[in-house]
Amino acid sequence: MRLSSRQYPRYFRFIEESLLIAALDAQNDPRTSEFTEDYLKPLGIESMMDVPIRLGGTVIGIVCHEHAGEKRI
C-alpha cells in the first residue's frame, strides 16, 4: 500500500520533522493513528518504526519496519 501525504498529512508532517517514528502502539500513537482503519488494523500491525530517507534535506522515501502481533519495542 502506498500512503499519500494528502490522505495522511499528520503522519507526513511528523516524518518531515523527525529522525524516526518508533511507535510501540501504532494504532493509538498520534503520529501514526490516522491510518489505523485503512492500513494498520487490516494488516494486524501493532508496532512500527519508520525512518525517513533524505537527500539534500528532502524526504525521498521511508524505510518502514512493521510488526504484526503483540506490541513490540
PDB file of N, CA and C in Angstrom:
ATOM      1  N   MET A   1       0.844  -1.184   0.000  1.00  0.00           N
ATOM      2  CA  MET A   1       0.000   0.000   0.000  1.00  0.00           C
ATOM      3  C   MET A   1       0.881   1.236   0.000  1.00  0.00           C
ATOM      4  N   ARG A   2       0.499   2.197  -0.756  1.00  0.00           N
ATOM      5  CA  ARG A   2       1.224   3.465  -0.823  1.00  0.00           C
ATOM      6  C   ARG A   2       0.428   4.514  -0.049  1.00  0.00           C
ATOM      7  N   LEU A   3       1.090   5.169   0.902  1.00  0.00           N
ATOM      8  CA  LEU A   3       0.425   6.177   1.708  1.00  0.00           C
ATOM      9  C   LEU A   3       0.606   7.552   1.074  1.00  0.00           C
ATOM     10  N   SER A   4      -0.464   8.321   1.035  1.00  0.00           N
ATOM     11  CA  SER A   4      -0.448   9.635   0.411  1.00  0.00           C
ATOM     12  C   SER A   4      -0.377  10.732   1.472  1.00  0.00           C
ATOM     13  N   SER A   5       0.439  11.748   1.208  1.00  0.00           N
ATOM     14  CA  SER A   5       0.535  12.879   2.138  1.00  0.00           C
ATOM     15  C   SER A   5      -0.777  13.661   2.187  1.00  0.00           C
ATOM     16  N   ARG A   6      -1.566  13.606   1.152  1.00  0.00           N
ATOM     17  CA  ARG A   6      -2.879  14.266   1.169  1.00  0.00           C
ATOM     18  C   ARG A   6      -3.842  13.539   2.097  1.00  0.00           C
ATOM     19  N   GLN A   7      -3.760  12.219   2.095  1.00  0.00           N
ATOM     20  CA  GLN A   7      -4.664  11.411   2.904  1.00  0.00           C
ATOM     21  C   GLN A   7      -4.221  11.354   4.375  1.00  0.00           C
ATOM     22  N   TYR A   8      -2.912  11.421   4.620  1.00  0.00           N
ATOM     23  CA  TYR A   8      -2.363  11.293   5.970  1.00  0.00           C
ATOM     24  C   TYR A   8      -1.391  12.433   6.281  1.00  0.00           C
ATOM     25  N   PRO A   9      -1.868  13.667   6.306  1.00  0.00           N
ATOM     26  CA  PRO A   9      -0.971  14.813   6.473  1.00  0.00           C
ATOM     27  C   PRO A   9      -0.225  14.842   7.801  1.00  0.00           C
ATOM     28  N   ARG A  10      -0.855  14.405   8.883  1.00  0.00           N
ATOM     29  CA  ARG A  10      -0.195  14.429  10.200  1.00  0.00           C
ATOM     30  C   ARG A  10       1.024  13.505  10.207  1.00  0.00           C
ATOM     31  N   TYR A  11       0.859  12.286   9.695  1.00  0.00           N
ATOM     32  CA  TYR A  11       1.972  11.336   9.635  1.00  0.00           C
ATOM     33  C   TYR A  11       3.134  11.919   8.837  1.00  0.00           C
ATOM     34  N   PHE A  12       2.856  12.483   7.678  1.00  0.00           N
ATOM     35  CA  PHE A  12       3.929  13.014   6.833  1.00  0.00           C
ATOM     36  C   PHE A  12       4.579  14.255   7.442  1.00  0.00           C
ATOM     37  N   ARG A  13       3.831  15.032   8.211  1.00  0.00           N
ATOM     38  CA  ARG A  13       4.424  16.158   8.924  1.00  0.00           C
ATOM     39  C   ARG A  13       5.432  15.643   9.953  1.00  0.00           C
ATOM     40  N   PHE A  14       5.049  14.594  10.694  1.00  0.00           N
ATOM     41  CA  PHE A  14       5.975  14.014  11.664  1.00  0.00           C
ATOM     42  C   PHE A  14       7.206  13.428  10.971  1.00  0.00           C
ATOM     43  N   ILE A  15       7.036  12.780   9.835  1.00  0.00           N
ATOM     44  CA  ILE A  15       8.170  12.225   9.085  1.00  0.00           C
ATOM     45  C   ILE A  15       9.119  13.340   8.668  1.00  0.00           C
ATOM     46  N   GLU A  16       8.590  14.445   8.197  1.00  0.00           N
ATOM     47  CA  GLU A  16       9.423  15.579   7.776  1.00  0.00           C
ATOM     48  C   GLU A  16      10.212  16.154   8.955  1.00  0.00           C
ATOM     49  N   GLU A  17       9.604  16.170  10.144  1.00  0.00           N
ATOM     50  CA  GLU A  17      10.206  16.829  11.304  1.00  0.00           C
ATOM     51  C   GLU A  17      11.078  15.918  12.156  1.00  0.00           C
ATOM     52  N   SER A  18      11.053  14.603  11.944  1.00  0.00           N
ATOM     53  CA  SER A  18      11.702  13.652  12.847  1.00  0.00           C
ATOM     54  C   SER A  18      12.827  12.876  12.182  1.00  0.00           C
ATOM     55  N   LEU A  19      13.691  12.329  13.011  1.00  0.00           N
ATOM     56  CA  LEU A  19      14.705  11.392  12.525  1.00  0.00           C
ATOM     57  C   LEU A  19      14.090  10.020  12.330  1.00  0.00           C
ATOM     58  N   LEU A  20      13.091   9.686  13.164  1.00  0.00           N
ATOM     59  CA  LEU A  20      12.382   8.423  13.028  1.00  0.00           C
ATOM     60  C   LEU A  20      11.100   8.482  13.827  1.00  0.00           C
ATOM     61  N   ILE A  21      10.195   7.561  13.520  1.00  0.00           N
ATOM     62  CA  ILE A  21       8.990   7.362  14.309  1.00  0.00           C
ATOM     63  C   ILE A  21       9.062   5.936  14.838  1.00  0.00           C
ATOM     64  N   ALA A  22       9.140   5.791  16.151  1.00  0.00           N
ATOM     65  CA  ALA A  22       9.108   4.483  16.800  1.00  0.00           C
ATOM     66  C   ALA A  22       7.819   4.434  17.602  1.00  0.00           C
ATOM     67  N   ALA A  23       6.846   3.660  17.135  1.00  0.00           N
ATOM     68  CA  ALA A  23       5.525   3.611  17.748  1.00  0.00           C
ATOM     69  C   ALA A  23       5.266   2.225  18.317  1.00  0.00           C
ATOM     70  N   LEU A  24       5.329   2.105  19.638  1.00  0.00           N
ATOM     71  CA  LEU A  24       5.043   0.842  20.313  1.00  0.00           C
ATOM     72  C   LEU A  24       3.587   0.441  20.063  1.00  0.00           C
ATOM     73  N   ASP A  25       2.679   1.404  20.175  1.00  0.00           N
ATOM     74  CA  ASP A  25       1.250   1.180  19.965  1.00  0.00           C
ATOM     75  C   ASP A  25       0.812   2.031  18.768  1.00  0.00           C
ATOM     76  N   ALA A  26       1.127   1.556  17.582  1.00  0.00           N
ATOM     77  CA  ALA A  26       0.946   2.336  16.357  1.00  0.00           C
ATOM     78  C   ALA A  26      -0.507   2.745  16.123  1.00  0.00           C
ATOM     79  N   GLN A  27      -1.449   1.910  16.530  1.00  0.00           N
ATOM     80  CA  GLN A  27      -2.857   2.224  16.278  1.00  0.00           C
ATOM     81  C   GLN A  27      -3.359   3.382  17.131  1.00  0.00           C
ATOM     82  N   ASN A  28      -2.670   3.681  18.226  1.00  0.00           N
ATOM     83  CA  ASN A  28      -3.085   4.776  19.111  1.00  0.00           C
ATOM     84  C   ASN A  28      -2.065   5.897  19.211  1.00  0.00           C
ATOM     85  N   ASP A  29      -0.928   5.740  18.575  1.00  0.00           N
ATOM     86  CA  ASP A  29       0.107   6.772  18.608  1.00  0.00           C
ATOM     87  C   ASP A  29      -0.352   7.934  17.720  1.00  0.00           C
ATOM     88  N   PRO A  30      -0.303   9.179  18.215  1.00  0.00           N
ATOM     89  CA  PRO A  30      -0.788  10.307  17.415  1.00  0.00           C
ATOM     90  C   PRO A  30      -0.035  10.501  16.093  1.00  0.00           C
ATOM     91  N   ARG A  31       1.178   9.980  15.983  1.00  0.00           N
ATOM     92  CA  ARG A  31       1.950  10.131  14.747  1.00  0.00           C
ATOM     93  C   ARG A  31       1.497   9.168  13.666  1.00  0.00           C
ATOM     94  N   THR A  32       0.903   8.042  14.047  1.00  0.00           N
ATOM     95  CA  THR A  32       0.556   7.002  13.076  1.00  0.00           C
ATOM     96  C   THR A  32      -0.916   6.592  13.103  1.00  0.00           C
ATOM     97  N   SER A  33      -1.673   7.081  14.046  1.00  0.00           N
ATOM     98  CA  SER A  33      -3.054   6.615  14.238  1.00  0.00           C
ATOM     99  C   SER A  33      -4.008   7.006  13.108  1.00  0.00           C
ATOM    100  N   GLU A  34      -3.686   7.998  12.309  1.00  0.00           N
ATOM    101  CA  GLU A  34      -4.641   8.411  11.282  1.00  0.00           C
ATOM    102  C   GLU A  34      -4.814   7.372  10.167  1.00  0.00           C
ATOM    103  N   PHE A  35      -3.911   6.385  10.068  1.00  0.00           N
ATOM    104  CA  PHE A  35      -4.146   5.318   9.082  1.00  0.00           C
ATOM    105  C   PHE A  35      -4.421   3.965   9.741  1.00  0.00           C
ATOM    106  N   THR A  36      -4.951   4.012  10.967  1.00  0.00           N
ATOM    107  CA  THR A  36      -5.300   2.787  11.688  1.00  0.00           C
ATOM    108  C   THR A  36      -6.342   1.970  10.943  1.00  0.00           C
ATOM    109  N   GLU A  37      -7.466   2.581  10.600  1.00  0.00           N
ATOM    110  CA  GLU A  37      -8.580   1.833   9.994  1.00  0.00           C
ATOM    111  C   GLU A  37      -8.255   1.325   8.590  1.00  0.00           C
ATOM    112  N   ASP A  38      -7.518   2.103   7.796  1.00  0.00           N
ATOM    113  CA  ASP A  38      -7.238   1.741   6.400  1.00  0.00           C
ATOM    114  C   ASP A  38      -6.045   0.808   6.237  1.00  0.00           C
ATOM    115  N   TYR A  39      -5.115   0.826   7.195  1.00  0.00           N
ATOM    116  CA  TYR A  39      -3.834   0.145   6.975  1.00  0.00           C
ATOM    117  C   TYR A  39      -3.422  -0.748   8.143  1.00  0.00           C
ATOM    118  N   LEU A  40      -3.359  -0.182   9.342  1.00  0.00           N
ATOM    119  CA  LEU A  40      -2.826  -0.934  10.484  1.00  0.00           C
ATOM    120  C   LEU A  40      -3.732  -2.093  10.910  1.00  0.00           C
ATOM    121  N   LYS A  41      -4.996  -1.812  11.152  1.00  0.00           N
ATOM    122  CA  LYS A  41      -5.915  -2.873  11.598  1.00  0.00           C
ATOM    123  C   LYS A  41      -6.066  -3.995  10.575  1.00  0.00           C
ATOM    124  N   PRO A  42      -6.320  -3.681   9.290  1.00  0.00           N
ATOM    125  CA  PRO A  42      -6.480  -4.776   8.324  1.00  0.00           C
ATOM    126  C   PRO A  42      -5.251  -5.689   8.225  1.00  0.00           C
ATOM    127  N   LEU A  43      -4.067  -5.137   8.470  1.00  0.00           N
ATOM    128  CA  LEU A  43      -2.841  -5.940   8.382  1.00  0.00           C
ATOM    129  C   LEU A  43      -2.369  -6.455   9.743  1.00  0.00           C
ATOM    130  N   GLY A  44      -3.079  -6.093  10.816  1.00  0.00           N
ATOM    131  CA  GLY A  44      -2.720  -6.558  12.151  1.00  0.00           C
ATOM    132  C   GLY A  44      -1.452  -5.927  12.702  1.00  0.00           C
ATOM    133  N   ILE A  45      -1.085  -4.753  12.207  1.00  0.00           N
ATOM    134  CA  ILE A  45       0.147  -4.086  12.641  1.00  0.00           C
ATOM    135  C   ILE A  45      -0.103  -3.393  13.971  1.00  0.00           C
ATOM    136  N   GLU A  46       0.718  -3.726  14.959  1.00  0.00           N
ATOM    137  CA  GLU A  46       0.598  -3.143  16.292  1.00  0.00           C
ATOM    138  C   GLU A  46       1.726  -2.152  16.585  1.00  0.00           C
ATOM    139  N   SER A  47       2.933  -2.460  16.133  1.00  0.00           N
ATOM    140  CA  SER A  47       4.095  -1.614  16.406  1.00  0.00           C
ATOM    141  C   SER A  47       4.827  -1.342  15.100  1.00  0.00           C
ATOM    142  N   MET A  48       5.535  -0.212  15.062  1.00  0.00           N
ATOM    143  CA  MET A  48       6.262   0.108  13.840  1.00  0.00           C
ATOM    144  C   MET A  48       7.388   1.096  14.111  1.00  0.00           C
ATOM    145  N   MET A  49       8.357   1.074  13.221  1.00  0.00           N
ATOM    146  CA  MET A  49       9.425   2.058  13.238  1.00  0.00           C
ATOM    147  C   MET A  49       9.619   2.507  11.796  1.00  0.00           C
ATOM    148  N   ASP A  50       9.443   3.789  11.553  1.00  0.00           N
ATOM    149  CA  ASP A  50       9.597   4.363  10.220  1.00  0.00           C
ATOM    150  C   ASP A  50      10.740   5.371  10.241  1.00  0.00           C
ATOM    151  N   VAL A  51      11.618   5.274   9.253  1.00  0.00           N
ATOM    152  CA  VAL A  51      12.782   6.151   9.169  1.00  0.00           C
ATOM    153  C   VAL A  51      12.778   6.829   7.803  1.00  0.00           C
ATOM    154  N   PRO A  52      12.736   8.164   7.792  1.00  0.00           N
ATOM    155  CA  PRO A  52      12.766   8.864   6.505  1.00  0.00           C
ATOM    156  C   PRO A  52      14.141   8.780   5.845  1.00  0.00           C
ATOM    157  N   ILE A  53      14.145   8.642   4.536  1.00  0.00           N
ATOM    158  CA  ILE A  53      15.369   8.680   3.744  1.00  0.00           C
ATOM    159  C   ILE A  53      15.435  10.079   3.147  1.00  0.00           C
ATOM    160  N   ARG A  54      16.525  10.777   3.427  1.00  0.00           N
ATOM    161  CA  ARG A  54      16.653  12.167   2.964  1.00  0.00           C
ATOM    162  C   ARG A  54      17.780  12.302   1.946  1.00  0.00           C
ATOM    163  N   LEU A  55      17.563  13.182   1.004  1.00  0.00           N
ATOM    164  CA  LEU A  55      18.573  13.553   0.032  1.00  0.00           C
ATOM    165  C   LEU A  55      18.569  15.077  -0.035  1.00  0.00           C
ATOM    166  N   GLY A  56      19.659  15.682   0.381  1.00  0.00           N
ATOM    167  CA  GLY A  56      19.732  17.140   0.399  1.00  0.00           C
ATOM    168  C   GLY A  56      18.684  17.782   1.284  1.00  0.00           C
ATOM    169  N   GLY A  57      18.323  17.117   2.375  1.00  0.00           N
ATOM    170  CA  GLY A  57      17.340  17.655   3.297  1.00  0.00           C
ATOM    171  C   GLY A  57      15.888  17.377   2.929  1.00  0.00           C
ATOM    172  N   THR A  58      15.659  16.736   1.789  1.00  0.00           N
ATOM    173  CA  THR A  58      14.303  16.425   1.336  1.00  0.00           C
ATOM    174  C   THR A  58      14.028  14.942   1.537  1.00  0.00           C
ATOM    175  N   VAL A  59      12.867  14.623   2.106  1.00  0.00           N
ATOM    176  CA  VAL A  59      12.478  13.226   2.276  1.00  0.00           C
ATOM    177  C   VAL A  59      12.121  12.659   0.904  1.00  0.00           C
ATOM    178  N   ILE A  60      12.842  11.599   0.518  1.00  0.00           N
ATOM    179  CA  ILE A  60      12.592  10.971  -0.787  1.00  0.00           C
ATOM    180  C   ILE A  60      12.018   9.564  -0.651  1.00  0.00           C
ATOM    181  N   GLY A  61      11.948   9.070   0.577  1.00  0.00           N
ATOM    182  CA  GLY A  61      11.406   7.746   0.829  1.00  0.00           C
ATOM    183  C   GLY A  61      11.347   7.483   2.316  1.00  0.00           C
ATOM    184  N   ILE A  62      10.782   6.330   2.674  1.00  0.00           N
ATOM    185  CA  ILE A  62      10.663   5.951   4.071  1.00  0.00           C
ATOM    186  C   ILE A  62      10.925   4.453   4.179  1.00  0.00           C
ATOM    187  N   VAL A  63      11.802   4.067   5.109  1.00  0.00           N
ATOM    188  CA  VAL A  63      12.008   2.659   5.426  1.00  0.00           C
ATOM    189  C   VAL A  63      11.056   2.330   6.562  1.00  0.00           C
ATOM    190  N   CYS A  64      10.174   1.358   6.349  1.00  0.00           N
ATOM    191  CA  CYS A  64       9.157   1.005   7.342  1.00  0.00           C
ATOM    192  C   CYS A  64       9.399  -0.408   7.855  1.00  0.00           C
ATOM    193  N   HIS A  65       9.497  -0.510   9.163  1.00  0.00           N
ATOM    194  CA  HIS A  65       9.578  -1.811   9.848  1.00  0.00           C
ATOM    195  C   HIS A  65       8.297  -1.940  10.633  1.00  0.00           C
ATOM    196  N   GLU A  66       7.457  -2.883  10.255  1.00  0.00           N
ATOM    197  CA  GLU A  66       6.152  -3.042  10.882  1.00  0.00           C
ATOM    198  C   GLU A  66       6.068  -4.404  11.541  1.00  0.00           C
ATOM    199  N   HIS A  67       5.440  -4.444  12.714  1.00  0.00           N
ATOM    200  CA  HIS A  67       5.326  -5.692  13.464  1.00  0.00           C
ATOM    201  C   HIS A  67       3.862  -6.019  13.682  1.00  0.00           C
ATOM    202  N   ALA A  68       3.433  -7.161  13.191  1.00  0.00           N
ATOM    203  CA  ALA A  68       2.080  -7.657  13.423  1.00  0.00           C
ATOM    204  C   ALA A  68       2.128  -8.592  14.626  1.00  0.00           C
ATOM    205  N   GLY A  69       1.091  -8.582  15.406  1.00  0.00           N
ATOM    206  CA  GLY A  69       1.052  -9.407  16.617  1.00  0.00           C
ATOM    207  C   GLY A  69       1.150  -8.517  17.833  1.00  0.00           C
ATOM    208  N   GLU A  70       1.642  -9.065  18.937  1.00  0.00           N
ATOM    209  CA  GLU A  70       1.738  -8.295  20.172  1.00  0.00           C
ATOM    210  C   GLU A  70       2.615  -7.060  19.980  1.00  0.00           C
ATOM    211  N   LYS A  71       2.296  -6.025  20.740  1.00  0.00           N
ATOM    212  CA  LYS A  71       3.101  -4.797  20.667  1.00  0.00           C
ATOM    213  C   LYS A  71       4.555  -5.108  21.000  1.00  0.00           C
ATOM    214  N   ARG A  72       5.462  -4.448  20.303  1.00  0.00           N
ATOM    215  CA  ARG A  72       6.873  -4.773  20.444  1.00  0.00           C
ATOM    216  C   ARG A  72       7.710  -3.505  20.316  1.00  0.00           C
ATOM    217  N   ILE A  73       8.680  -3.363  21.201  1.00  0.00           N
ATOM    218  CA  ILE A  73       9.589  -2.216  21.140  1.00  0.00           C
ATOM    219  C   ILE A  73      10.606  -2.469  20.055  1.00  0.00           C
TER     220      ILE A  73
END
